Amino acid sequence: MNHSSAINEIALALSKAQEAIQDADKSSDNPFFKTKYADLSSVLNEIRAVFPKNGLALVQSPFTAENGNIGVTTMVVHSSGQWMSDSIDIPAQGKNLAQESGSVITYLRRYSASAFAGIAQADSDANLGTSKASNTAPVVNLKGPLISKDQIEEINNLMIETSTNEAAFCQFLGVESVAKMPQNLHDKAVAALTKKLEIMEKSDVS
């Protein structure tokens, strides 16, 4: 994280703002799993209702990294002139790169803004971990044999067809990469991508 030489005033303002902020409404459906999550609009509405009262403003700007990744820089500025900022980027892929880039930017804006504002993004589909005590989602067993080369190709083809970002999809599944996906997640991954493809096809017809 980058910040101004002094952060005493912005830190105090953020503390007061986070105390007043409520977790954003989880009003949007996740296309991969049957869960709800707080979309970008809900997160920004919560921030806009509290930040100005504490002399704070949120600024976000997309960028393309040297390695081609799509990223977002998020900055919080205070009326004193003090500021904090951080950047994050992930790969974009798929047949429709423009559409995929837009999805990645929205995803990164939502999580970055939530992190600065202290808004929980505890989606059950993104809350996979190793400790039942620290998660609301069921613990997934990532041990056992990995998927085959044919299955890797099958999932990769589905991701291309649905313009799905691999990094984001693997994060939802709680795996490092498609190539390191265990067999017990194969059916879940294919079902999620197939469902997304069906939704896209229906949308194209309408």
N, C-alpha and C. Protein backbone atom coordinates (compact mmCIF):
# COMPACT_ATOMS: atom_id res chain seq x y z
N MET A 1 0.83 -1.20 0.00
CA MET A 1 0.00 0.00 0.00
C MET A 1 0.87 1.24 0.00
N ASN A 2 0.43 2.25 -0.77
CA ASN A 2 1.11 3.54 -0.78
C ASN A 2 0.26 4.54 0.00
N HIS A 3 0.92 5.56 0.57
CA HIS A 3 0.18 6.57 1.33
C HIS A 3 1.00 7.84 1.47
N SER A 4 0.33 8.90 1.88
CA SER A 4 1.02 10.17 2.11
C SER A 4 1.98 10.03 3.29
N SER A 5 2.88 10.99 3.43
CA SER A 5 3.88 10.90 4.49
C SER A 5 3.26 10.83 5.88
N ALA A 6 2.12 11.50 6.06
CA ALA A 6 1.38 11.42 7.32
C ALA A 6 0.00 10.85 7.04
N ILE A 7 -0.52 10.01 7.92
CA ILE A 7 -1.85 9.40 7.70
C ILE A 7 -2.72 9.50 8.96
N ASN A 8 -2.31 10.33 9.92
CA ASN A 8 -3.05 10.38 11.17
C ASN A 8 -4.50 10.83 10.98
N GLU A 9 -4.72 11.84 10.14
CA GLU A 9 -6.08 12.36 9.96
C GLU A 9 -6.93 11.44 9.11
N ILE A 10 -6.37 10.88 8.05
CA ILE A 10 -7.15 9.98 7.21
C ILE A 10 -7.45 8.68 7.96
N ALA A 11 -6.51 8.23 8.80
CA ALA A 11 -6.74 7.01 9.58
C ALA A 11 -7.90 7.22 10.56
N LEU A 12 -7.95 8.38 11.20
CA LEU A 12 -9.04 8.67 12.13
C LEU A 12 -10.38 8.76 11.39
N ALA A 13 -10.35 9.42 10.23
CA ALA A 13 -11.58 9.56 9.44
C ALA A 13 -12.08 8.21 8.95
N LEU A 14 -11.17 7.35 8.50
CA LEU A 14 -11.54 6.01 8.05
C LEU A 14 -12.12 5.19 9.19
N SER A 15 -11.53 5.35 10.37
CA SER A 15 -12.02 4.62 11.53
C SER A 15 -13.47 5.00 11.84
N LYS A 16 -13.76 6.31 11.78
CA LYS A 16 -15.13 6.77 12.03
C LYS A 16 -16.08 6.31 10.92
N ALA A 17 -15.60 6.36 9.68
CA ALA A 17 -16.44 5.95 8.55
C ALA A 17 -16.77 4.47 8.63
N GLN A 18 -15.76 3.65 8.92
CA GLN A 18 -15.98 2.20 8.98
C GLN A 18 -16.91 1.83 10.13
N GLU A 19 -16.88 2.63 11.19
CA GLU A 19 -17.78 2.38 12.31
C GLU A 19 -19.24 2.61 11.90
N ALA A 20 -19.44 3.56 10.98
CA ALA A 20 -20.80 3.90 10.55
C ALA A 20 -21.29 3.04 9.40
N ILE A 21 -20.38 2.41 8.69
CA ILE A 21 -20.76 1.64 7.49
C ILE A 21 -21.36 0.30 7.88
N GLN A 22 -22.44 -0.05 7.19
CA GLN A 22 -23.06 -1.36 7.34
C GLN A 22 -22.62 -2.21 6.16
N ASP A 23 -22.57 -3.53 6.34
CA ASP A 23 -22.23 -4.40 5.23
C ASP A 23 -23.26 -4.23 4.12
N ALA A 24 -22.78 -4.10 2.89
CA ALA A 24 -23.66 -3.82 1.75
C ALA A 24 -24.64 -4.96 1.51
N ASP A 25 -25.81 -4.60 0.99
CA ASP A 25 -26.85 -5.57 0.64
C ASP A 25 -26.35 -6.59 -0.37
N LYS A 26 -26.58 -7.86 -0.13
CA LYS A 26 -26.20 -8.90 -1.08
C LYS A 26 -27.38 -9.15 -2.01
N SER A 27 -27.45 -8.35 -3.06
CA SER A 27 -28.63 -8.35 -3.91
C SER A 27 -28.42 -8.97 -5.28
N SER A 28 -27.18 -9.36 -5.61
CA SER A 28 -26.91 -9.91 -6.94
C SER A 28 -26.63 -11.40 -6.88
N ASP A 29 -26.98 -12.11 -7.95
CA ASP A 29 -26.74 -13.54 -8.05
C ASP A 29 -25.36 -13.81 -8.60
N ASN A 30 -24.68 -14.80 -8.04
CA ASN A 30 -23.40 -15.25 -8.58
C ASN A 30 -23.69 -16.23 -9.71
N PRO A 31 -23.13 -16.02 -10.91
CA PRO A 31 -23.44 -16.90 -12.05
C PRO A 31 -22.89 -18.31 -11.90
N PHE A 32 -21.93 -18.50 -10.98
CA PHE A 32 -21.32 -19.82 -10.82
C PHE A 32 -22.00 -20.65 -9.75
N PHE A 33 -22.51 -20.00 -8.71
CA PHE A 33 -23.08 -20.73 -7.59
C PHE A 33 -24.40 -20.09 -7.16
N LYS A 34 -25.23 -20.83 -6.46
CA LYS A 34 -26.53 -20.34 -6.03
C LYS A 34 -26.37 -19.52 -4.76
N THR A 35 -25.72 -18.36 -4.86
CA THR A 35 -25.49 -17.50 -3.72
C THR A 35 -25.74 -16.06 -4.11
N LYS A 36 -25.82 -15.20 -3.12
CA LYS A 36 -25.98 -13.78 -3.34
C LYS A 36 -24.69 -13.07 -2.94
N TYR A 37 -24.43 -11.93 -3.59
CA TYR A 37 -23.27 -11.13 -3.20
C TYR A 37 -23.61 -9.66 -3.37
N ALA A 38 -22.86 -8.80 -2.68
CA ALA A 38 -23.06 -7.36 -2.79
C ALA A 38 -22.39 -6.88 -4.07
N ASP A 39 -23.17 -6.32 -5.00
CA ASP A 39 -22.58 -5.86 -6.25
C ASP A 39 -21.90 -4.51 -6.05
N LEU A 40 -21.23 -4.03 -7.10
CA LEU A 40 -20.47 -2.79 -7.00
C LEU A 40 -21.36 -1.61 -6.63
N SER A 41 -22.55 -1.56 -7.20
CA SER A 41 -23.47 -0.47 -6.91
C SER A 41 -23.82 -0.40 -5.43
N SER A 42 -24.09 -1.57 -4.82
CA SER A 42 -24.43 -1.62 -3.40
C SER A 42 -23.26 -1.14 -2.54
N VAL A 43 -22.06 -1.58 -2.90
CA VAL A 43 -20.87 -1.18 -2.15
C VAL A 43 -20.65 0.33 -2.25
N LEU A 44 -20.75 0.89 -3.47
CA LEU A 44 -20.52 2.33 -3.65
C LEU A 44 -21.61 3.16 -2.97
N ASN A 45 -22.84 2.69 -2.99
CA ASN A 45 -23.91 3.41 -2.32
C ASN A 45 -23.64 3.52 -0.83
N GLU A 46 -23.13 2.45 -0.24
CA GLU A 46 -22.82 2.45 1.19
C GLU A 46 -21.67 3.43 1.48
N ILE A 47 -20.67 3.44 0.61
CA ILE A 47 -19.52 4.32 0.79
C ILE A 47 -19.93 5.79 0.62
N ARG A 48 -20.73 6.07 -0.41
CA ARG A 48 -21.15 7.45 -0.67
C ARG A 48 -21.99 8.03 0.45
N ALA A 49 -22.67 7.17 1.18
CA ALA A 49 -23.52 7.64 2.27
C ALA A 49 -22.72 8.03 3.50
N VAL A 50 -21.47 7.55 3.60
CA VAL A 50 -20.69 7.76 4.81
C VAL A 50 -19.40 8.55 4.59
N PHE A 51 -18.68 8.28 3.50
CA PHE A 51 -17.37 8.89 3.28
C PHE A 51 -17.41 10.42 3.30
N PRO A 52 -18.30 11.08 2.54
CA PRO A 52 -18.29 12.55 2.50
C PRO A 52 -18.48 13.19 3.88
N LYS A 53 -19.25 12.55 4.74
CA LYS A 53 -19.49 13.09 6.09
C LYS A 53 -18.23 13.09 6.93
N ASN A 54 -17.24 12.31 6.51
CA ASN A 54 -15.98 12.22 7.24
C ASN A 54 -14.81 12.80 6.45
N GLY A 55 -15.14 13.61 5.43
CA GLY A 55 -14.10 14.26 4.64
C GLY A 55 -13.33 13.33 3.74
N LEU A 56 -13.94 12.22 3.36
CA LEU A 56 -13.26 11.20 2.55
C LEU A 56 -13.88 11.10 1.16
N ALA A 57 -13.06 10.70 0.21
CA ALA A 57 -13.53 10.44 -1.15
C ALA A 57 -12.80 9.22 -1.69
N LEU A 58 -13.49 8.44 -2.51
CA LEU A 58 -12.92 7.23 -3.12
C LEU A 58 -12.70 7.48 -4.60
N VAL A 59 -11.49 7.19 -5.08
CA VAL A 59 -11.16 7.36 -6.50
C VAL A 59 -10.61 6.03 -7.02
N GLN A 60 -11.16 5.53 -8.14
CA GLN A 60 -10.70 4.27 -8.71
C GLN A 60 -10.41 4.45 -10.19
N SER A 61 -9.32 3.86 -10.64
CA SER A 61 -8.91 4.00 -12.04
C SER A 61 -8.38 2.67 -12.57
N PRO A 62 -8.89 2.19 -13.71
CA PRO A 62 -8.38 0.96 -14.30
C PRO A 62 -7.04 1.18 -15.01
N PHE A 63 -6.27 0.12 -15.16
CA PHE A 63 -5.01 0.22 -15.89
C PHE A 63 -4.67 -1.14 -16.49
N THR A 64 -3.75 -1.13 -17.44
CA THR A 64 -3.23 -2.36 -18.02
C THR A 64 -1.78 -2.50 -17.58
N ALA A 65 -1.47 -3.60 -16.90
CA ALA A 65 -0.12 -3.82 -16.40
C ALA A 65 0.83 -4.19 -17.55
N GLU A 66 2.13 -4.14 -17.28
CA GLU A 66 3.13 -4.44 -18.31
C GLU A 66 2.98 -5.86 -18.84
N ASN A 67 2.51 -6.78 -17.97
CA ASN A 67 2.34 -8.17 -18.41
C ASN A 67 1.00 -8.43 -19.10
N GLY A 68 0.22 -7.35 -19.31
CA GLY A 68 -1.06 -7.48 -19.98
C GLY A 68 -2.25 -7.69 -19.06
N ASN A 69 -1.99 -7.86 -17.76
CA ASN A 69 -3.08 -8.01 -16.81
C ASN A 69 -3.94 -6.75 -16.75
N ILE A 70 -5.20 -6.94 -16.40
CA ILE A 70 -6.11 -5.81 -16.19
C ILE A 70 -6.13 -5.50 -14.70
N GLY A 71 -5.99 -4.23 -14.33
CA GLY A 71 -5.93 -3.88 -12.92
C GLY A 71 -6.72 -2.64 -12.58
N VAL A 72 -6.82 -2.40 -11.29
CA VAL A 72 -7.51 -1.22 -10.76
C VAL A 72 -6.68 -0.63 -9.63
N THR A 73 -6.49 0.68 -9.68
CA THR A 73 -5.87 1.40 -8.58
C THR A 73 -6.98 2.10 -7.80
N THR A 74 -7.01 1.89 -6.51
CA THR A 74 -8.01 2.50 -5.63
C THR A 74 -7.31 3.46 -4.67
N MET A 75 -7.83 4.67 -4.60
CA MET A 75 -7.25 5.68 -3.72
C MET A 75 -8.35 6.28 -2.84
N VAL A 76 -8.05 6.43 -1.57
CA VAL A 76 -8.92 7.15 -0.64
C VAL A 76 -8.21 8.44 -0.27
N VAL A 77 -8.88 9.56 -0.49
CA VAL A 77 -8.28 10.87 -0.18
C VAL A 77 -9.09 11.54 0.92
N HIS A 78 -8.39 12.34 1.74
CA HIS A 78 -9.01 13.04 2.86
C HIS A 78 -8.93 14.55 2.64
N SER A 79 -9.84 15.28 3.22
CA SER A 79 -9.88 16.73 3.04
C SER A 79 -8.60 17.42 3.52
N SER A 80 -7.83 16.73 4.34
CA SER A 80 -6.56 17.27 4.83
C SER A 80 -5.46 17.19 3.77
N GLY A 81 -5.72 16.43 2.72
CA GLY A 81 -4.70 16.20 1.69
C GLY A 81 -4.01 14.86 1.85
N GLN A 82 -4.24 14.19 2.96
CA GLN A 82 -3.65 12.87 3.17
C GLN A 82 -4.38 11.83 2.31
N TRP A 83 -3.67 10.77 1.96
CA TRP A 83 -4.25 9.77 1.07
C TRP A 83 -3.65 8.38 1.29
N MET A 84 -4.36 7.37 0.81
CA MET A 84 -3.90 5.98 0.80
C MET A 84 -4.29 5.38 -0.54
N SER A 85 -3.47 4.52 -1.08
CA SER A 85 -3.83 3.88 -2.35
C SER A 85 -3.19 2.50 -2.46
N ASP A 86 -3.79 1.68 -3.28
CA ASP A 86 -3.25 0.36 -3.56
C ASP A 86 -3.75 -0.09 -4.92
N SER A 87 -3.02 -1.01 -5.55
CA SER A 87 -3.38 -1.51 -6.88
C SER A 87 -3.41 -3.03 -6.88
N ILE A 88 -4.26 -3.58 -7.74
CA ILE A 88 -4.35 -5.03 -7.89
C ILE A 88 -4.64 -5.33 -9.35
N ASP A 89 -4.07 -6.41 -9.88
CA ASP A 89 -4.35 -6.79 -11.27
C ASP A 89 -4.40 -8.31 -11.40
N ILE A 90 -5.20 -8.78 -12.36
CA ILE A 90 -5.32 -10.20 -12.66
C ILE A 90 -5.44 -10.37 -14.17
N PRO A 91 -5.18 -11.58 -14.69
CA PRO A 91 -5.26 -11.78 -16.15
C PRO A 91 -6.70 -11.68 -16.65
N ALA A 92 -6.84 -11.25 -17.88
CA ALA A 92 -8.13 -11.26 -18.58
C ALA A 92 -7.99 -12.19 -19.77
N GLN A 93 -9.02 -13.00 -20.01
CA GLN A 93 -8.95 -13.94 -21.13
C GLN A 93 -10.36 -14.20 -21.64
N GLY A 94 -10.45 -14.89 -22.75
CA GLY A 94 -11.76 -15.19 -23.32
C GLY A 94 -11.88 -14.68 -24.74
N LYS A 95 -12.96 -15.06 -25.41
CA LYS A 95 -13.16 -14.66 -26.81
C LYS A 95 -13.42 -13.17 -26.93
N ASN A 96 -14.21 -12.63 -26.02
CA ASN A 96 -14.55 -11.21 -26.06
C ASN A 96 -13.73 -10.49 -24.99
N LEU A 97 -12.52 -10.04 -25.38
CA LEU A 97 -11.60 -9.45 -24.41
C LEU A 97 -12.14 -8.16 -23.81
N ALA A 98 -12.85 -7.38 -24.63
CA ALA A 98 -13.40 -6.12 -24.13
C ALA A 98 -14.42 -6.38 -23.02
N GLN A 99 -15.31 -7.33 -23.26
CA GLN A 99 -16.33 -7.68 -22.26
C GLN A 99 -15.69 -8.27 -21.02
N GLU A 100 -14.71 -9.13 -21.22
CA GLU A 100 -14.03 -9.77 -20.10
C GLU A 100 -13.28 -8.73 -19.27
N SER A 101 -12.63 -7.77 -19.93
CA SER A 101 -11.90 -6.73 -19.21
C SER A 101 -12.84 -5.91 -18.34
N GLY A 102 -14.03 -5.62 -18.88
CA GLY A 102 -15.02 -4.88 -18.10
C GLY A 102 -15.44 -5.65 -16.86
N SER A 103 -15.61 -6.96 -17.00
CA SER A 103 -16.00 -7.79 -15.86
C SER A 103 -14.90 -7.81 -14.80
N VAL A 104 -13.65 -7.92 -15.26
CA VAL A 104 -12.52 -7.94 -14.33
C VAL A 104 -12.42 -6.62 -13.58
N ILE A 105 -12.58 -5.51 -14.29
CA ILE A 105 -12.49 -4.19 -13.66
C ILE A 105 -13.58 -4.03 -12.60
N THR A 106 -14.81 -4.44 -12.92
CA THR A 106 -15.90 -4.35 -11.95
C THR A 106 -15.62 -5.20 -10.72
N TYR A 107 -15.12 -6.41 -10.96
CA TYR A 107 -14.79 -7.34 -9.86
C TYR A 107 -13.73 -6.73 -8.95
N LEU A 108 -12.67 -6.17 -9.54
CA LEU A 108 -11.58 -5.61 -8.75
C LEU A 108 -12.01 -4.33 -8.03
N ARG A 109 -12.82 -3.52 -8.69
CA ARG A 109 -13.33 -2.30 -8.04
C ARG A 109 -14.14 -2.66 -6.80
N ARG A 110 -14.99 -3.68 -6.94
CA ARG A 110 -15.86 -4.07 -5.83
C ARG A 110 -15.06 -4.52 -4.61
N TYR A 111 -14.10 -5.40 -4.84
CA TYR A 111 -13.33 -5.92 -3.72
C TYR A 111 -12.36 -4.89 -3.15
N SER A 112 -11.77 -4.06 -3.99
CA SER A 112 -10.84 -3.04 -3.50
C SER A 112 -11.57 -1.98 -2.69
N ALA A 113 -12.71 -1.52 -3.20
CA ALA A 113 -13.50 -0.52 -2.47
C ALA A 113 -13.97 -1.09 -1.14
N SER A 114 -14.41 -2.34 -1.15
CA SER A 114 -14.87 -2.98 0.08
C SER A 114 -13.75 -3.09 1.10
N ALA A 115 -12.54 -3.40 0.63
CA ALA A 115 -11.41 -3.54 1.54
C ALA A 115 -11.08 -2.23 2.24
N PHE A 116 -11.06 -1.14 1.48
CA PHE A 116 -10.76 0.17 2.07
C PHE A 116 -11.85 0.61 3.04
N ALA A 117 -13.10 0.31 2.70
CA ALA A 117 -14.21 0.77 3.52
C ALA A 117 -14.54 -0.17 4.68
N GLY A 118 -13.91 -1.33 4.69
CA GLY A 118 -14.19 -2.29 5.74
C GLY A 118 -15.52 -2.99 5.58
N ILE A 119 -15.97 -3.15 4.33
CA ILE A 119 -17.23 -3.83 4.04
C ILE A 119 -16.96 -5.31 3.80
N ALA A 120 -17.66 -6.15 4.53
CA ALA A 120 -17.44 -7.59 4.39
C ALA A 120 -17.93 -8.08 3.05
N GLN A 121 -17.12 -8.93 2.40
CA GLN A 121 -17.51 -9.58 1.15
C GLN A 121 -17.43 -11.08 1.37
N ALA A 122 -18.12 -11.54 2.40
CA ALA A 122 -18.04 -12.95 2.80
C ALA A 122 -19.03 -13.80 2.03
N ASP A 123 -18.91 -13.84 0.69
CA ASP A 123 -19.75 -14.72 -0.12
C ASP A 123 -19.38 -16.16 0.21
N SER A 124 -20.37 -17.02 0.30
CA SER A 124 -20.05 -18.41 0.62
C SER A 124 -19.22 -19.05 -0.47
N ASP A 125 -19.41 -18.59 -1.74
CA ASP A 125 -18.65 -19.20 -2.84
C ASP A 125 -17.21 -18.71 -2.86
N ALA A 126 -16.95 -17.56 -2.22
CA ALA A 126 -15.59 -17.02 -2.22
C ALA A 126 -14.95 -17.19 -0.86
N ASN A 127 -15.57 -18.00 -0.02
CA ASN A 127 -15.12 -18.10 1.35
C ASN A 127 -14.57 -19.48 1.66
N LEU A 128 -14.01 -20.10 0.65
CA LEU A 128 -13.46 -21.44 0.84
C LEU A 128 -12.15 -21.36 1.59
N GLY A 129 -11.94 -22.28 2.51
CA GLY A 129 -10.70 -22.24 3.27
C GLY A 129 -10.43 -23.59 3.89
N THR A 130 -9.62 -23.60 4.92
CA THR A 130 -9.24 -24.85 5.54
C THR A 130 -9.78 -24.98 6.95
N SER A 131 -10.32 -23.91 7.50
CA SER A 131 -10.80 -23.96 8.87
C SER A 131 -12.30 -23.74 8.93
N LYS A 132 -13.03 -24.68 9.47
CA LYS A 132 -14.47 -24.53 9.59
C LYS A 132 -14.83 -23.38 10.53
N ALA A 133 -13.95 -23.10 11.48
CA ALA A 133 -14.24 -22.06 12.45
C ALA A 133 -14.19 -20.68 11.83
N SER A 134 -13.41 -20.50 10.75
CA SER A 134 -13.22 -19.17 10.18
C SER A 134 -13.99 -18.96 8.89
N ASN A 135 -14.82 -19.93 8.50
CA ASN A 135 -15.55 -19.83 7.24
C ASN A 135 -17.02 -20.14 7.43
N THR A 136 -17.84 -19.55 6.56
CA THR A 136 -19.25 -19.92 6.52
C THR A 136 -19.49 -20.96 5.45
N ALA A 137 -18.53 -21.14 4.54
CA ALA A 137 -18.69 -22.12 3.47
C ALA A 137 -18.14 -23.47 3.91
N PRO A 138 -18.66 -24.56 3.33
CA PRO A 138 -18.13 -25.87 3.68
C PRO A 138 -16.70 -26.01 3.22
N VAL A 139 -15.91 -26.71 4.00
CA VAL A 139 -14.51 -26.93 3.63
C VAL A 139 -14.45 -27.93 2.49
N VAL A 140 -13.70 -27.58 1.44
CA VAL A 140 -13.58 -28.45 0.27
C VAL A 140 -12.30 -29.27 0.39
N ASN A 141 -12.41 -30.55 0.17
CA ASN A 141 -11.26 -31.42 0.22
C ASN A 141 -10.46 -31.28 -1.08
N LEU A 142 -9.30 -30.66 -1.01
CA LEU A 142 -8.50 -30.43 -2.21
C LEU A 142 -7.44 -31.52 -2.41
N LYS A 143 -7.51 -32.58 -1.63
CA LYS A 143 -6.57 -33.67 -1.79
C LYS A 143 -7.13 -34.68 -2.79
N GLY A 144 -6.28 -35.63 -3.19
CA GLY A 144 -6.73 -36.65 -4.11
C GLY A 144 -6.19 -36.41 -5.51
N PRO A 145 -6.55 -37.28 -6.47
CA PRO A 145 -6.05 -37.16 -7.84
C PRO A 145 -6.54 -35.90 -8.53
N LEU A 146 -5.71 -35.37 -9.42
CA LEU A 146 -6.07 -34.18 -10.17
C LEU A 146 -6.84 -34.57 -11.43
N ILE A 147 -7.51 -33.59 -12.02
CA ILE A 147 -8.26 -33.86 -13.25
C ILE A 147 -7.29 -34.20 -14.37
N SER A 148 -7.79 -34.91 -15.37
CA SER A 148 -6.96 -35.37 -16.49
C SER A 148 -6.72 -34.26 -17.51
N LYS A 149 -5.85 -34.51 -18.47
CA LYS A 149 -5.58 -33.53 -19.53
C LYS A 149 -6.84 -33.25 -20.34
N ASP A 150 -7.63 -34.29 -20.61
CA ASP A 150 -8.89 -34.10 -21.36
C ASP A 150 -9.86 -33.23 -20.57
N GLN A 151 -9.90 -33.42 -19.27
CA GLN A 151 -10.80 -32.62 -18.43
C GLN A 151 -10.32 -31.17 -18.34
N ILE A 152 -9.00 -30.98 -18.30
CA ILE A 152 -8.44 -29.63 -18.31
C ILE A 152 -8.85 -28.91 -19.59
N GLU A 153 -8.72 -29.62 -20.72
CA GLU A 153 -9.09 -29.04 -22.02
C GLU A 153 -10.58 -28.73 -22.06
N GLU A 154 -11.39 -29.63 -21.49
CA GLU A 154 -12.84 -29.42 -21.45
C GLU A 154 -13.19 -28.14 -20.70
N ILE A 155 -12.59 -27.95 -19.54
CA ILE A 155 -12.88 -26.76 -18.73
C ILE A 155 -12.33 -25.50 -19.40
N ASN A 156 -11.14 -25.60 -19.96
CA ASN A 156 -10.55 -24.44 -20.66
C ASN A 156 -11.42 -24.00 -21.83
N ASN A 157 -11.95 -24.97 -22.58
CA ASN A 157 -12.82 -24.64 -23.71
C ASN A 157 -14.11 -23.96 -23.23
N LEU A 158 -14.65 -24.43 -22.12
CA LEU A 158 -15.86 -23.83 -21.56
C LEU A 158 -15.58 -22.40 -21.07
N MET A 159 -14.41 -22.19 -20.50
CA MET A 159 -14.06 -20.85 -20.04
C MET A 159 -13.92 -19.89 -21.21
N ILE A 160 -13.37 -20.38 -22.31
CA ILE A 160 -13.24 -19.55 -23.51
C ILE A 160 -14.61 -19.21 -24.08
N GLU A 161 -15.48 -20.23 -24.15
CA GLU A 161 -16.83 -20.03 -24.68
C GLU A 161 -17.63 -19.03 -23.86
N THR A 162 -17.40 -19.02 -22.56
CA THR A 162 -18.18 -18.15 -21.67
C THR A 162 -17.43 -16.89 -21.27
N SER A 163 -16.26 -16.65 -21.89
CA SER A 163 -15.42 -15.48 -21.56
C SER A 163 -15.18 -15.39 -20.05
N THR A 164 -14.88 -16.53 -19.46
CA THR A 164 -14.66 -16.60 -18.02
C THR A 164 -13.19 -16.39 -17.68
N ASN A 165 -12.94 -15.52 -16.71
CA ASN A 165 -11.58 -15.27 -16.25
C ASN A 165 -11.10 -16.44 -15.39
N GLU A 166 -10.01 -17.08 -15.78
CA GLU A 166 -9.55 -18.27 -15.07
C GLU A 166 -9.18 -17.97 -13.62
N ALA A 167 -8.48 -16.86 -13.39
CA ALA A 167 -8.04 -16.52 -12.04
C ALA A 167 -9.24 -16.35 -11.10
N ALA A 168 -10.26 -15.63 -11.58
CA ALA A 168 -11.45 -15.40 -10.75
C ALA A 168 -12.21 -16.71 -10.53
N PHE A 169 -12.32 -17.53 -11.58
CA PHE A 169 -13.05 -18.79 -11.47
C PHE A 169 -12.35 -19.74 -10.50
N CYS A 170 -11.03 -19.80 -10.59
CA CYS A 170 -10.27 -20.67 -9.69
C CYS A 170 -10.37 -20.18 -8.25
N GLN A 171 -10.44 -18.86 -8.07
CA GLN A 171 -10.61 -18.32 -6.73
C GLN A 171 -11.95 -18.75 -6.14
N PHE A 172 -13.00 -18.72 -6.98
CA PHE A 172 -14.31 -19.16 -6.52
C PHE A 172 -14.28 -20.63 -6.10
N LEU A 173 -13.51 -21.44 -6.83
CA LEU A 173 -13.45 -22.87 -6.53
C LEU A 173 -12.45 -23.19 -5.43
N GLY A 174 -11.59 -22.23 -5.10
CA GLY A 174 -10.59 -22.45 -4.07
C GLY A 174 -9.41 -23.28 -4.52
N VAL A 175 -9.06 -23.16 -5.81
CA VAL A 175 -7.91 -23.90 -6.34
C VAL A 175 -6.91 -22.91 -6.94
N GLU A 176 -5.67 -23.36 -7.06
CA GLU A 176 -4.61 -22.50 -7.58
C GLU A 176 -4.75 -22.28 -9.08
N SER A 177 -5.11 -23.34 -9.81
CA SER A 177 -5.26 -23.26 -11.27
C SER A 177 -6.11 -24.43 -11.74
N VAL A 178 -6.55 -24.37 -13.00
CA VAL A 178 -7.34 -25.46 -13.56
C VAL A 178 -6.51 -26.74 -13.60
N ALA A 179 -5.25 -26.61 -13.94
CA ALA A 179 -4.38 -27.79 -14.04
C ALA A 179 -4.20 -28.49 -12.69
N LYS A 180 -4.40 -27.76 -11.59
CA LYS A 180 -4.22 -28.34 -10.26
C LYS A 180 -5.57 -28.58 -9.57
N MET A 181 -6.62 -28.70 -10.37
CA MET A 181 -7.95 -28.94 -9.82
C MET A 181 -8.12 -30.43 -9.48
N PRO A 182 -8.59 -30.74 -8.28
CA PRO A 182 -8.82 -32.15 -7.93
C PRO A 182 -10.06 -32.70 -8.62
N GLN A 183 -10.10 -34.00 -8.76
CA GLN A 183 -11.21 -34.67 -9.44
C GLN A 183 -12.56 -34.34 -8.80
N ASN A 184 -12.57 -34.17 -7.46
CA ASN A 184 -13.85 -33.97 -6.79
C ASN A 184 -14.46 -32.59 -7.05
N LEU A 185 -13.75 -31.73 -7.80
CA LEU A 185 -14.31 -30.43 -8.17
C LEU A 185 -14.64 -30.33 -9.65
N HIS A 186 -14.30 -31.38 -10.42
CA HIS A 186 -14.50 -31.33 -11.86
C HIS A 186 -15.97 -31.12 -12.23
N ASP A 187 -16.86 -31.94 -11.67
CA ASP A 187 -18.27 -31.85 -12.03
C ASP A 187 -18.86 -30.50 -11.64
N LYS A 188 -18.44 -29.98 -10.50
CA LYS A 188 -18.94 -28.68 -10.04
C LYS A 188 -18.50 -27.58 -10.99
N ALA A 189 -17.24 -27.64 -11.44
CA ALA A 189 -16.71 -26.63 -12.35
C ALA A 189 -17.44 -26.67 -13.69
N VAL A 190 -17.61 -27.87 -14.24
CA VAL A 190 -18.28 -28.02 -15.53
C VAL A 190 -19.74 -27.57 -15.43
N ALA A 191 -20.40 -27.94 -14.34
CA ALA A 191 -21.81 -27.57 -14.17
C ALA A 191 -21.97 -26.05 -14.09
N ALA A 192 -21.05 -25.38 -13.39
CA ALA A 192 -21.12 -23.93 -13.24
C ALA A 192 -20.91 -23.23 -14.58
N LEU A 193 -19.92 -23.69 -15.34
CA LEU A 193 -19.63 -23.08 -16.63
C LEU A 193 -20.74 -23.39 -17.66
N THR A 194 -21.27 -24.59 -17.61
CA THR A 194 -22.37 -24.95 -18.52
C THR A 194 -23.60 -24.11 -18.24
N LYS A 195 -23.88 -23.89 -16.94
CA LYS A 195 -25.01 -23.05 -16.55
C LYS A 195 -24.82 -21.63 -17.06
N LYS A 196 -23.60 -21.12 -16.95
CA LYS A 196 -23.31 -19.76 -17.43
C LYS A 196 -23.49 -19.69 -18.95
N LEU A 197 -23.05 -20.74 -19.66
CA LEU A 197 -23.20 -20.78 -21.12
C LEU A 197 -24.67 -20.78 -21.52
N GLU A 198 -25.48 -21.53 -20.80
CA GLU A 198 -26.92 -21.57 -21.08
C GLU A 198 -27.56 -20.20 -20.90
N ILE A 199 -27.16 -19.51 -19.83
CA ILE A 199 -27.69 -18.16 -19.57
C ILE A 199 -27.30 -17.21 -20.69
N MET A 200 -26.03 -17.31 -21.14
CA MET A 200 -25.55 -16.45 -22.21
C MET A 200 -26.29 -16.72 -23.51
N GLU A 201 -26.53 -18.00 -23.82
CA GLU A 201 -27.23 -18.38 -25.05
C GLU A 201 -28.67 -17.89 -25.04
N LYS A 202 -29.35 -18.00 -23.88
CA LYS A 202 -30.71 -17.49 -23.75
C LYS A 202 -30.75 -15.98 -23.93
N SER A 203 -29.71 -15.31 -23.39
CA SER A 203 -29.64 -13.86 -23.51
C SER A 203 -29.46 -13.43 -24.95
N ASP A 204 -28.65 -14.20 -25.69
CA ASP A 204 -28.41 -13.88 -27.11
C ASP A 204 -29.69 -14.06 -27.93
N VAL A 205 -30.47 -15.09 -27.59
CA VAL A 205 -31.71 -15.36 -28.33
C VAL A 205 -32.74 -14.26 -28.08
N SER A 206 -32.83 -13.80 -26.84
CA SER A 206 -33.79 -12.77 -26.49
C SER A 206 -33.36 -11.41 -27.00
